[in-house]
Amino acid sequence: MKKLFIIIVVLGTIAIAAGGYYYQQYKDFLNQPVFQESTVVNIEKGLTYRKFTQTLLNENANGKKWQWRMLGKLEQVGKWLKVGEFNIEAGLTPMQVMQKIKSNQVITYKFTIVEGMNWRELKKKILNDDVLLHSLNDTSDKQLLIELDTLYSTPEGLFLPETYQFVRGDSDVDILKRAYAALNKGLQEHWSKRKDNLPLKSPYELLILASIVEKETSQAGERDIIAGVFVRRLQLNMRLQTDPTVIYGLGENYDGDIRSRDLKIDTPYNTYTRKGLTPTPIAMASIESIAASAQPKEGKALYFVANNRGGHYFSDTYEQHQKAVKGYLKGYKL
């Protein structure tokens, strides 16, 4: 019995010493930085806490498997895992790392839809983004419209120019859905505040007009003036006669230089050969162009030409316009 007692005491002492050793090791682990330099950690959907800790260790994180697993059991931090990329700065302790993940401080990226780009250009740009997941290559325009839950016949003009933040794991269609929702919200808002007696039958026609205004000027102060010119021409049953619509109708046949013969090529978008608005938008219109088209500036101008100053010169009569065109062609600053 005496020998057994001694054995028990010795084993107990060893156990206490071992427990103290491992407890101190665990405390040291909790107080030491996980990484010596900033490291990006990607948590994918369905990743378990055990696999997450292995991911950290594969990135040369401080600590041992048992220490990370003890943290998981004692603090139940496995429940804190969020999907996404996290930048773990140098110096963060294990608990600080888990708190950062718990608060969902994911790395965000940006995608910008530029005003005036058309659907073909936007599709190419979004497919070239190396972070977004891509499904557009396998999605027809018709299928995309179904996903957008819209009755429009084309994606052209349906996405609001803006910068959209996203996280790794988001797709190109996710961005387009958000841009379409933003466009619809802004379009309906400005349609409800539009001037009386505009020659526009629907919010979609407002969007079409705004897209033409967008392509005609890069000057913010001109948008409502140009919208006013187009509105008056529509009211007088005059052709809009705007080059950007001709260019859009030419599509990929446009070589960067519009010629007089191009103005005679009849397409559904040629506003030199056809009256009224184009059948669809010709570009992505900014919210500013939508607002300007809903509230066009009053006036008498029916014509405009580039003024060689970066903007346009406006004329009330055709005679005035012809004179201005001659001045423009001679390089005069109008």
Protein backbone atom coordinates (compact mmCIF):
# COMPACT_ATOMS: atom_id res chain seq x y z
CA MET A 1 0.00 0.00 0.00
CA LYS A 2 2.85 2.35 0.80
CA LYS A 3 4.47 1.72 -2.60
CA LEU A 4 1.15 2.28 -4.36
CA PHE A 5 0.68 5.56 -2.50
CA ILE A 6 4.14 6.73 -3.53
CA ILE A 7 3.44 5.80 -7.16
CA ILE A 8 0.16 7.73 -7.07
CA VAL A 9 1.87 10.77 -5.54
CA VAL A 10 4.65 10.66 -8.14
CA LEU A 11 2.21 10.28 -11.03
CA GLY A 12 0.05 13.04 -9.60
CA THR A 13 3.06 15.31 -9.30
CA ILE A 14 4.05 14.54 -12.91
CA ALA A 15 0.53 15.17 -14.08
CA ILE A 16 0.36 18.50 -12.24
CA ALA A 17 3.74 19.49 -13.62
CA ALA A 18 2.73 18.46 -17.14
CA GLY A 19 -0.59 20.26 -16.79
CA GLY A 20 1.18 23.37 -15.60
CA TYR A 21 3.62 23.15 -18.48
CA TYR A 22 0.91 22.80 -21.10
CA TYR A 23 -1.21 25.49 -19.45
CA GLN A 24 1.73 27.88 -19.62
CA GLN A 25 2.34 26.88 -23.24
CA TYR A 26 -1.30 27.63 -24.03
CA LYS A 27 -1.14 31.02 -22.23
CA ASP A 28 2.00 31.94 -24.16
CA PHE A 29 0.24 30.93 -27.37
CA LEU A 30 -2.70 33.23 -26.59
CA ASN A 31 -0.38 36.21 -26.04
CA GLN A 32 1.88 35.77 -29.05
CA PRO A 33 1.20 37.13 -32.57
CA VAL A 34 -0.26 34.64 -35.02
CA PHE A 35 1.78 36.08 -37.92
CA GLN A 36 4.95 38.12 -38.07
CA GLU A 37 3.73 39.89 -41.23
CA SER A 38 0.32 40.59 -42.72
CA THR A 39 -1.20 37.47 -44.27
CA VAL A 40 -4.38 36.98 -46.28
CA VAL A 41 -6.50 34.03 -45.18
CA ASN A 42 -9.39 32.78 -47.31
CA ILE A 43 -12.29 31.05 -45.55
CA GLU A 44 -14.37 29.16 -48.08
CA LYS A 45 -17.97 28.13 -47.63
CA GLY A 46 -18.27 24.95 -45.55
CA LEU A 47 -14.74 25.17 -44.09
CA THR A 48 -14.58 23.48 -40.68
CA TYR A 49 -12.68 24.94 -37.76
CA ARG A 50 -10.20 22.05 -37.88
CA LYS A 51 -9.44 22.70 -41.55
CA PHE A 52 -9.31 26.43 -40.84
CA THR A 53 -6.58 25.94 -38.24
CA GLN A 54 -4.68 23.77 -40.69
CA THR A 55 -4.95 26.59 -43.24
CA LEU A 56 -3.40 28.96 -40.70
CA LEU A 57 -0.57 26.55 -39.92
CA ASN A 58 0.07 26.08 -43.64
CA GLU A 59 0.61 29.84 -43.78
CA ASN A 60 3.26 29.53 -41.03
CA ALA A 61 1.00 30.72 -38.24
CA ASN A 62 2.26 30.60 -34.66
CA GLY A 63 1.04 27.77 -32.47
CA LYS A 64 0.45 24.04 -32.65
CA LYS A 65 -2.61 22.06 -33.61
CA TRP A 66 -3.48 21.21 -30.03
CA GLN A 67 -3.30 24.88 -29.01
CA TRP A 68 -5.66 25.99 -31.76
CA ARG A 69 -8.00 23.11 -30.97
CA MET A 70 -7.98 23.96 -27.28
CA LEU A 71 -8.89 27.56 -28.21
CA GLY A 72 -11.76 26.17 -30.25
CA LYS A 73 -13.06 24.05 -27.41
CA LEU A 74 -12.65 26.59 -24.63
CA GLU A 75 -13.95 29.64 -26.51
CA GLN A 76 -16.11 27.89 -29.15
CA VAL A 77 -14.57 30.18 -31.78
CA GLY A 78 -15.40 27.66 -34.49
CA LYS A 79 -18.86 29.22 -34.51
CA TRP A 80 -17.30 32.59 -35.38
CA LEU A 81 -16.09 31.56 -38.83
CA LYS A 82 -17.34 33.72 -41.70
CA VAL A 83 -16.91 33.15 -45.42
CA GLY A 84 -14.49 35.53 -47.14
CA GLU A 85 -10.95 36.79 -47.31
CA PHE A 86 -9.41 38.31 -44.21
CA ASN A 87 -6.21 40.31 -43.96
CA ILE A 88 -4.57 39.21 -40.72
CA GLU A 89 -2.22 42.00 -39.76
CA ALA A 90 1.10 41.28 -38.11
CA GLY A 91 0.91 41.31 -34.32
CA LEU A 92 -2.68 40.10 -33.88
CA THR A 93 -3.08 37.45 -31.21
CA PRO A 94 -5.19 34.30 -31.81
CA MET A 95 -8.22 35.77 -30.05
CA GLN A 96 -7.88 39.06 -31.94
CA VAL A 97 -7.77 37.11 -35.21
CA MET A 98 -10.96 35.27 -34.31
CA GLN A 99 -12.65 38.50 -33.20
CA LYS A 100 -11.80 40.04 -36.58
CA ILE A 101 -13.37 37.09 -38.36
CA LYS A 102 -16.40 37.17 -36.05
CA SER A 103 -17.00 40.85 -36.90
CA ASN A 104 -16.81 39.95 -40.62
CA GLN A 105 -13.99 42.37 -41.49
CA VAL A 106 -13.54 40.85 -44.93
CA ILE A 107 -11.36 42.23 -47.71
CA THR A 108 -13.53 44.12 -50.20
CA TYR A 109 -12.92 44.76 -53.88
CA LYS A 110 -14.40 47.33 -56.26
CA PHE A 111 -15.92 47.13 -59.73
CA THR A 112 -16.81 50.31 -61.59
CA ILE A 113 -19.41 50.61 -64.32
CA VAL A 114 -18.37 53.67 -66.30
CA GLU A 115 -21.08 55.97 -67.60
CA GLY A 116 -21.43 55.81 -71.36
CA MET A 117 -20.11 52.27 -71.83
CA ASN A 118 -22.40 49.95 -73.75
CA TRP A 119 -23.37 46.39 -72.86
CA ARG A 120 -20.69 44.83 -75.06
CA GLU A 121 -18.00 46.91 -73.36
CA LEU A 122 -19.36 46.27 -69.87
CA LYS A 123 -19.56 42.51 -70.43
CA LYS A 124 -15.95 42.44 -71.61
CA LYS A 125 -14.78 44.46 -68.60
CA ILE A 126 -16.62 42.38 -66.02
CA LEU A 127 -15.38 39.11 -67.54
CA ASN A 128 -11.81 40.43 -67.25
CA ASP A 129 -12.12 40.98 -63.51
CA ASP A 130 -9.84 38.37 -61.92
CA VAL A 131 -11.60 38.23 -58.53
CA LEU A 132 -15.26 37.84 -59.47
CA LEU A 133 -16.63 34.39 -60.22
CA HIS A 134 -17.74 34.24 -63.83
CA SER A 135 -20.87 32.73 -65.31
CA LEU A 136 -21.61 35.28 -68.06
CA ASN A 137 -19.65 33.32 -70.64
CA ASP A 138 -22.18 30.53 -70.25
CA THR A 139 -25.18 32.84 -69.91
CA SER A 140 -27.02 34.23 -72.91
CA ASP A 141 -28.48 37.73 -72.80
CA LYS A 142 -31.95 36.13 -72.69
CA GLN A 143 -30.99 34.01 -69.67
CA LEU A 144 -29.47 37.04 -67.95
CA LEU A 145 -32.69 39.00 -68.42
CA ILE A 146 -34.60 36.11 -66.81
CA GLU A 147 -32.20 36.20 -63.83
CA LEU A 148 -32.74 39.96 -63.59
CA ASP A 149 -36.49 39.29 -63.57
CA THR A 150 -37.10 41.91 -66.26
CA LEU A 151 -39.28 42.03 -69.36
CA TYR A 152 -36.85 44.21 -71.31
CA SER A 153 -35.53 42.72 -74.55
CA THR A 154 -31.85 43.57 -74.05
CA PRO A 155 -29.41 44.23 -71.17
CA GLU A 156 -28.34 47.45 -72.89
CA GLY A 157 -28.59 50.43 -70.53
CA LEU A 158 -29.94 48.44 -67.59
CA PHE A 159 -26.99 48.85 -65.20
CA LEU A 160 -26.35 52.02 -63.24
CA PRO A 161 -22.84 53.45 -63.63
CA GLU A 162 -21.35 53.38 -60.15
CA THR A 163 -18.59 51.71 -58.12
CA TYR A 164 -19.77 48.51 -56.47
CA GLN A 165 -17.95 46.84 -53.59
CA PHE A 166 -17.82 43.06 -53.45
CA VAL A 167 -16.00 40.22 -51.71
CA ARG A 168 -14.26 37.18 -53.11
CA GLY A 169 -16.92 34.62 -53.91
CA ASP A 170 -19.32 37.12 -55.46
CA SER A 171 -20.09 36.64 -59.14
CA ASP A 172 -20.39 38.86 -62.18
CA VAL A 173 -24.16 38.31 -62.16
CA ASP A 174 -24.29 39.39 -58.49
CA ILE A 175 -22.80 42.76 -59.49
CA LEU A 176 -25.18 43.13 -62.44
CA LYS A 177 -28.20 42.36 -60.25
CA ARG A 178 -27.16 45.09 -57.83
CA ALA A 179 -26.52 47.54 -60.67
CA TYR A 180 -29.91 46.75 -62.21
CA ALA A 181 -31.67 47.27 -58.88
CA ALA A 182 -29.88 50.60 -58.41
CA LEU A 183 -30.83 51.66 -61.95
CA ASN A 184 -34.49 50.80 -61.40
CA LYS A 185 -34.62 52.68 -58.12
CA GLY A 186 -33.09 55.84 -59.59
CA LEU A 187 -35.11 55.65 -62.79
CA GLN A 188 -38.44 55.30 -60.99
CA GLU A 189 -37.53 58.14 -58.63
CA HIS A 190 -36.78 60.59 -61.45
CA TRP A 191 -39.71 59.40 -63.57
CA SER A 192 -42.03 60.29 -60.71
CA LYS A 193 -40.48 63.81 -60.56
CA ARG A 194 -40.34 64.42 -64.33
CA LYS A 195 -41.61 67.64 -65.89
CA ASP A 196 -45.15 67.72 -67.22
CA ASN A 197 -45.82 67.17 -70.92
CA LEU A 198 -42.55 65.43 -71.76
CA PRO A 199 -42.84 63.42 -75.01
CA LEU A 200 -41.94 60.24 -73.11
CA LYS A 201 -44.37 57.40 -72.56
CA SER A 202 -42.55 55.33 -69.95
CA PRO A 203 -39.54 55.18 -67.61
CA TYR A 204 -37.82 53.09 -70.29
CA GLU A 205 -38.14 55.94 -72.81
CA LEU A 206 -36.66 58.25 -70.18
CA LEU A 207 -33.75 55.82 -69.91
CA ILE A 208 -33.32 55.77 -73.69
CA LEU A 209 -33.19 59.57 -73.84
CA ALA A 210 -30.77 59.69 -70.91
CA SER A 211 -28.44 57.23 -72.66
CA ILE A 212 -28.32 59.49 -75.73
CA VAL A 213 -27.64 62.54 -73.57
CA GLU A 214 -24.89 60.57 -71.82
CA LYS A 215 -23.13 59.85 -75.10
CA GLU A 216 -23.49 63.41 -76.39
CA THR A 217 -21.67 65.27 -73.63
CA SER A 218 -19.12 64.80 -70.89
CA GLN A 219 -19.93 68.25 -69.48
CA ALA A 220 -22.14 68.07 -66.40
CA GLY A 221 -23.55 71.55 -67.01
CA GLU A 222 -24.72 70.64 -70.50
CA ARG A 223 -26.80 67.58 -69.77
CA ASP A 224 -30.11 69.32 -69.14
CA ILE A 225 -29.52 71.74 -72.08
CA ILE A 226 -28.95 68.87 -74.52
CA ALA A 227 -31.91 66.99 -73.05
CA GLY A 228 -33.97 70.12 -73.71
CA VAL A 229 -32.88 70.20 -77.35
CA PHE A 230 -33.88 66.57 -77.86
CA VAL A 231 -37.21 67.01 -76.08
CA ARG A 232 -38.12 69.99 -78.29
CA ARG A 233 -37.15 68.08 -81.42
CA LEU A 234 -39.35 65.16 -80.34
CA GLN A 235 -42.22 67.54 -79.65
CA LEU A 236 -41.83 69.06 -83.14
CA ASN A 237 -41.57 65.59 -84.76
CA MET A 238 -38.03 66.39 -85.92
CA ARG A 239 -35.37 63.72 -86.22
CA LEU A 240 -32.88 63.75 -83.35
CA GLN A 241 -29.95 63.49 -85.78
CA THR A 242 -27.39 62.50 -83.17
CA ASP A 243 -24.15 60.75 -84.16
CA PRO A 244 -23.86 58.41 -81.13
CA THR A 245 -27.04 56.60 -82.19
CA VAL A 246 -25.60 56.05 -85.68
CA ILE A 247 -22.37 54.72 -84.18
CA TYR A 248 -24.31 52.35 -81.94
CA GLY A 249 -26.30 51.08 -84.92
CA LEU A 250 -23.08 50.34 -86.81
CA GLY A 251 -21.94 48.14 -83.91
CA GLU A 252 -18.60 46.44 -84.44
CA ASN A 253 -18.50 47.80 -88.00
CA TYR A 254 -17.74 51.25 -86.58
CA ASP A 255 -14.01 51.87 -87.07
CA GLY A 256 -13.68 54.96 -84.89
CA ASP A 257 -14.36 57.55 -87.58
CA ILE A 258 -17.93 58.48 -88.53
CA ARG A 259 -18.40 59.55 -92.16
CA SER A 260 -21.25 61.22 -94.02
CA ARG A 261 -22.06 57.95 -95.74
CA ASP A 262 -22.54 56.31 -92.32
CA LEU A 263 -25.34 58.76 -91.60
CA LYS A 264 -27.26 57.30 -94.54
CA ILE A 265 -27.00 53.67 -93.47
CA ASP A 266 -30.47 52.88 -92.18
CA THR A 267 -30.54 50.92 -88.93
CA PRO A 268 -33.13 50.96 -86.14
CA TYR A 269 -30.74 53.29 -84.30
CA ASN A 270 -30.03 55.80 -87.05
CA THR A 271 -31.75 59.00 -85.92
CA TYR A 272 -30.80 60.69 -89.19
CA THR A 273 -33.02 58.28 -91.16
CA ARG A 274 -35.68 57.60 -88.51
CA LYS A 275 -37.81 59.81 -86.28
CA GLY A 276 -38.27 59.37 -82.56
CA LEU A 277 -36.16 57.65 -79.95
CA THR A 278 -34.04 54.60 -80.58
CA PRO A 279 -35.68 51.25 -79.74
CA THR A 280 -33.40 50.69 -76.73
CA PRO A 281 -30.81 52.64 -74.76
CA ILE A 282 -27.44 52.98 -76.48
CA ALA A 283 -25.30 53.06 -73.33
CA MET A 284 -25.30 53.00 -69.54
CA ALA A 285 -26.69 56.36 -68.44
CA SER A 286 -25.56 58.00 -65.22
CA ILE A 287 -28.11 59.08 -62.65
CA GLU A 288 -27.19 62.68 -63.57
CA SER A 289 -28.19 62.12 -67.20
CA ILE A 290 -31.43 60.47 -66.08
CA ALA A 291 -32.17 63.45 -63.83
CA ALA A 292 -31.35 65.93 -66.61
CA SER A 293 -33.61 64.08 -69.06
CA ALA A 294 -36.47 64.12 -66.56
CA GLN A 295 -35.94 67.84 -65.95
CA PRO A 296 -34.70 69.24 -69.30
CA LYS A 297 -33.82 72.91 -69.45
CA GLU A 298 -36.34 75.25 -71.03
CA GLY A 299 -35.23 77.17 -74.10
CA LYS A 300 -35.52 77.53 -77.87
CA ALA A 301 -32.34 75.80 -79.08
CA LEU A 302 -32.91 73.01 -81.59
CA TYR A 303 -29.32 72.46 -82.73
CA PHE A 304 -25.85 72.11 -81.25
CA VAL A 305 -22.33 71.51 -82.46
CA ALA A 306 -18.98 71.03 -80.72
CA ASN A 307 -17.49 74.40 -79.73
CA ASN A 308 -13.81 73.39 -79.81
CA ARG A 309 -13.67 74.11 -76.09
CA GLY A 310 -14.75 70.68 -74.88
CA GLY A 311 -18.45 71.52 -74.92
CA HIS A 312 -21.15 72.55 -77.39
CA TYR A 313 -22.54 75.66 -79.06
CA PHE A 314 -26.34 75.83 -79.18
CA SER A 315 -28.44 77.48 -81.90
CA ASP A 316 -32.15 78.30 -82.14
CA THR A 317 -32.34 78.24 -85.94
CA TYR A 318 -30.89 76.14 -88.72
CA GLU A 319 -29.19 79.20 -90.22
CA GLN A 320 -27.42 79.92 -86.92
CA HIS A 321 -26.46 76.28 -86.71
CA GLN A 322 -24.97 76.21 -90.20
CA LYS A 323 -22.85 79.23 -89.35
CA ALA A 324 -21.68 77.55 -86.14
CA VAL A 325 -20.81 74.35 -88.01
CA LYS A 326 -18.63 76.33 -90.44
CA GLY A 327 -16.87 77.94 -87.48
CA TYR A 328 -16.33 74.56 -85.85
CA LEU A 329 -14.87 73.07 -89.05
CA LYS A 330 -12.44 76.01 -89.31
CA GLY A 331 -11.31 75.37 -85.75
CA TYR A 332 -12.82 78.50 -84.24
CA LYS A 333 -13.60 78.48 -80.55
CA LEU A 334 -17.33 79.08 -80.47
